[in-house]
Amino acid sequence: MKGLEFRCVALIGVEQDVVPLRVAVTSEEEDTVAHGHDVLRERCLLFVAATRARDAVWVSYTHTASPFLN
């Protein structure tokens, strides 16, 4: 098995402007290639967090869900 595994994982605050973190993503107007790479990196981080769960994953948000959850 590669990496850690947990019985349950809770992902808290998976909402717009938090995931992906706005300051971690280059604006599309500034550099479209860098923007694409940054968004992919942020999506991969969420994927890794969610796939650490063996039995259950809980995801929460308060206002608007992250676009990655659509």
N, C-alpha and C. Protein backbone atom coordinates (compact mmCIF):
# COMPACT_ATOMS: atom_id res chain seq x y z
N MET A 1 0.85 -1.17 0.00
CA MET A 1 0.00 0.00 0.00
C MET A 1 0.90 1.24 0.00
N LYS A 2 0.54 2.21 -0.79
CA LYS A 2 1.30 3.44 -0.85
C LYS A 2 0.59 4.52 -0.04
N GLY A 3 1.28 5.18 0.85
CA GLY A 3 0.69 6.26 1.64
C GLY A 3 -0.11 5.77 2.83
N LEU A 4 -0.61 6.71 3.59
CA LEU A 4 -1.40 6.40 4.78
C LEU A 4 -2.85 6.14 4.42
N GLU A 5 -3.49 5.33 5.26
CA GLU A 5 -4.91 5.05 5.08
C GLU A 5 -5.59 5.17 6.44
N PHE A 6 -6.77 5.75 6.46
CA PHE A 6 -7.52 5.93 7.69
C PHE A 6 -8.92 5.35 7.51
N ARG A 7 -9.52 4.91 8.59
CA ARG A 7 -10.87 4.35 8.52
C ARG A 7 -11.86 5.39 8.01
N CYS A 8 -11.81 6.59 8.55
CA CYS A 8 -12.71 7.68 8.16
C CYS A 8 -11.90 8.95 7.96
N VAL A 9 -12.32 9.76 7.01
CA VAL A 9 -11.67 11.04 6.74
C VAL A 9 -12.76 12.11 6.66
N ALA A 10 -12.52 13.25 7.31
CA ALA A 10 -13.43 14.40 7.23
C ALA A 10 -12.69 15.53 6.53
N LEU A 11 -13.27 16.03 5.46
CA LEU A 11 -12.73 17.17 4.73
C LEU A 11 -13.62 18.36 5.05
N ILE A 12 -13.09 19.27 5.83
CA ILE A 12 -13.86 20.40 6.35
C ILE A 12 -13.59 21.66 5.53
N GLY A 13 -14.63 22.40 5.21
CA GLY A 13 -14.47 23.69 4.53
C GLY A 13 -14.10 23.58 3.07
N VAL A 14 -14.65 22.59 2.39
CA VAL A 14 -14.36 22.40 0.96
C VAL A 14 -15.33 23.29 0.18
N GLU A 15 -15.00 24.58 0.17
CA GLU A 15 -15.91 25.55 -0.44
C GLU A 15 -15.19 26.45 -1.42
N GLN A 16 -15.98 27.18 -2.17
CA GLN A 16 -15.46 28.10 -3.18
C GLN A 16 -14.49 29.08 -2.54
N ASP A 17 -13.41 29.38 -3.24
CA ASP A 17 -12.35 30.30 -2.81
C ASP A 17 -11.47 29.72 -1.71
N VAL A 18 -11.79 28.55 -1.20
CA VAL A 18 -10.93 27.87 -0.22
C VAL A 18 -10.27 26.67 -0.89
N VAL A 19 -11.04 25.92 -1.65
CA VAL A 19 -10.53 24.79 -2.43
C VAL A 19 -11.05 24.93 -3.85
N PRO A 20 -10.26 25.34 -4.81
CA PRO A 20 -8.85 25.65 -4.69
C PRO A 20 -8.62 27.00 -4.01
N LEU A 21 -7.54 27.08 -3.31
CA LEU A 21 -7.18 28.30 -2.60
C LEU A 21 -6.84 29.38 -3.63
N ARG A 22 -7.55 30.48 -3.56
CA ARG A 22 -7.42 31.53 -4.57
C ARG A 22 -5.98 32.01 -4.73
N VAL A 23 -5.25 32.19 -3.63
CA VAL A 23 -3.88 32.71 -3.72
C VAL A 23 -2.90 31.66 -4.23
N ALA A 24 -3.30 30.39 -4.28
CA ALA A 24 -2.41 29.33 -4.77
C ALA A 24 -2.54 29.09 -6.27
N VAL A 25 -3.50 29.79 -6.90
CA VAL A 25 -3.76 29.57 -8.32
C VAL A 25 -3.45 30.85 -9.09
N THR A 26 -2.57 30.75 -10.07
CA THR A 26 -2.26 31.87 -10.95
C THR A 26 -3.51 32.25 -11.73
N SER A 27 -3.76 33.54 -11.88
CA SER A 27 -4.96 33.96 -12.61
C SER A 27 -4.86 33.54 -14.07
N GLU A 28 -6.00 33.22 -14.64
CA GLU A 28 -6.04 32.77 -16.04
C GLU A 28 -5.58 33.88 -16.98
N GLU A 29 -5.88 35.13 -16.63
CA GLU A 29 -5.46 36.26 -17.47
C GLU A 29 -3.95 36.43 -17.46
N GLU A 30 -3.32 36.11 -16.33
CA GLU A 30 -1.88 36.27 -16.19
C GLU A 30 -1.12 35.20 -16.99
N ASP A 31 -1.54 33.94 -16.86
CA ASP A 31 -0.84 32.84 -17.54
C ASP A 31 -1.77 31.63 -17.58
N THR A 32 -2.29 31.32 -18.76
CA THR A 32 -3.27 30.24 -18.86
C THR A 32 -2.66 28.87 -18.58
N VAL A 33 -1.42 28.66 -18.97
CA VAL A 33 -0.77 27.37 -18.73
C VAL A 33 -0.53 27.17 -17.24
N ALA A 34 0.02 28.18 -16.58
CA ALA A 34 0.27 28.09 -15.14
C ALA A 34 -1.05 27.92 -14.38
N HIS A 35 -2.09 28.61 -14.83
CA HIS A 35 -3.41 28.48 -14.21
C HIS A 35 -3.88 27.03 -14.26
N GLY A 36 -3.78 26.42 -15.42
CA GLY A 36 -4.19 25.03 -15.58
C GLY A 36 -3.41 24.09 -14.67
N HIS A 37 -2.10 24.29 -14.58
CA HIS A 37 -1.26 23.46 -13.71
C HIS A 37 -1.62 23.67 -12.24
N ASP A 38 -1.86 24.91 -11.87
CA ASP A 38 -2.19 25.22 -10.47
C ASP A 38 -3.52 24.59 -10.07
N VAL A 39 -4.52 24.68 -10.94
CA VAL A 39 -5.83 24.08 -10.66
C VAL A 39 -5.70 22.57 -10.55
N LEU A 40 -4.93 21.96 -11.44
CA LEU A 40 -4.73 20.51 -11.39
C LEU A 40 -4.04 20.10 -10.09
N ARG A 41 -3.04 20.86 -9.66
CA ARG A 41 -2.33 20.56 -8.41
C ARG A 41 -3.30 20.62 -7.22
N GLU A 42 -4.14 21.64 -7.18
CA GLU A 42 -5.11 21.77 -6.09
C GLU A 42 -6.14 20.63 -6.12
N ARG A 43 -6.58 20.24 -7.30
CA ARG A 43 -7.53 19.14 -7.45
C ARG A 43 -6.89 17.83 -6.98
N CYS A 44 -5.62 17.63 -7.31
CA CYS A 44 -4.91 16.42 -6.88
C CYS A 44 -4.78 16.36 -5.37
N LEU A 45 -4.55 17.49 -4.72
CA LEU A 45 -4.47 17.50 -3.25
C LEU A 45 -5.79 17.07 -2.62
N LEU A 46 -6.90 17.55 -3.16
CA LEU A 46 -8.21 17.13 -2.64
C LEU A 46 -8.44 15.65 -2.90
N PHE A 47 -8.05 15.17 -4.07
CA PHE A 47 -8.19 13.75 -4.40
C PHE A 47 -7.40 12.88 -3.43
N VAL A 48 -6.16 13.26 -3.16
CA VAL A 48 -5.33 12.49 -2.24
C VAL A 48 -5.96 12.46 -0.85
N ALA A 49 -6.45 13.60 -0.39
CA ALA A 49 -7.09 13.64 0.93
C ALA A 49 -8.31 12.72 0.98
N ALA A 50 -9.12 12.76 -0.07
CA ALA A 50 -10.35 11.95 -0.09
C ALA A 50 -10.05 10.46 -0.20
N THR A 51 -8.99 10.11 -0.88
CA THR A 51 -8.69 8.69 -1.10
C THR A 51 -7.89 8.07 0.04
N ARG A 52 -7.64 8.82 1.09
CA ARG A 52 -6.98 8.24 2.28
C ARG A 52 -7.98 7.43 3.10
N ALA A 53 -9.27 7.59 2.84
CA ALA A 53 -10.30 6.92 3.64
C ALA A 53 -10.52 5.49 3.17
N ARG A 54 -10.60 4.59 4.12
CA ARG A 54 -10.89 3.19 3.80
C ARG A 54 -12.39 2.94 3.79
N ASP A 55 -13.12 3.51 4.76
CA ASP A 55 -14.55 3.21 4.92
C ASP A 55 -15.48 4.38 4.60
N ALA A 56 -15.11 5.60 4.98
CA ALA A 56 -16.03 6.72 4.81
C ALA A 56 -15.29 8.04 4.65
N VAL A 57 -15.89 8.91 3.85
CA VAL A 57 -15.38 10.28 3.68
C VAL A 57 -16.54 11.22 3.95
N TRP A 58 -16.32 12.20 4.80
CA TRP A 58 -17.31 13.25 5.04
C TRP A 58 -16.74 14.55 4.50
N VAL A 59 -17.56 15.26 3.73
CA VAL A 59 -17.15 16.53 3.14
C VAL A 59 -18.13 17.59 3.60
N SER A 60 -17.60 18.73 4.08
CA SER A 60 -18.49 19.80 4.51
C SER A 60 -18.10 21.13 3.89
N TYR A 61 -19.09 22.01 3.79
CA TYR A 61 -18.88 23.39 3.37
C TYR A 61 -20.02 24.20 3.94
N THR A 62 -19.84 25.53 4.03
CA THR A 62 -20.87 26.35 4.65
C THR A 62 -21.71 27.14 3.65
N HIS A 63 -21.09 27.73 2.67
CA HIS A 63 -21.83 28.58 1.74
C HIS A 63 -21.95 27.91 0.37
N THR A 64 -20.96 28.10 -0.46
CA THR A 64 -20.96 27.53 -1.80
C THR A 64 -19.89 26.45 -1.89
N ALA A 65 -20.27 25.29 -2.35
CA ALA A 65 -19.32 24.17 -2.46
C ALA A 65 -18.21 24.50 -3.45
N SER A 66 -17.06 23.90 -3.23
CA SER A 66 -15.95 24.03 -4.16
C SER A 66 -16.38 23.56 -5.54
N PRO A 67 -15.88 24.21 -6.58
CA PRO A 67 -16.20 23.74 -7.93
C PRO A 67 -15.68 22.31 -8.18
N PHE A 68 -14.74 21.86 -7.38
CA PHE A 68 -14.23 20.49 -7.52
C PHE A 68 -15.25 19.45 -7.10
N LEU A 69 -16.29 19.83 -6.38
CA LEU A 69 -17.31 18.88 -5.94
C LEU A 69 -18.42 18.70 -6.97
N ASN A 70 -18.43 19.51 -8.00
CA ASN A 70 -19.47 19.40 -9.04
C ASN A 70 -19.18 18.28 -10.00
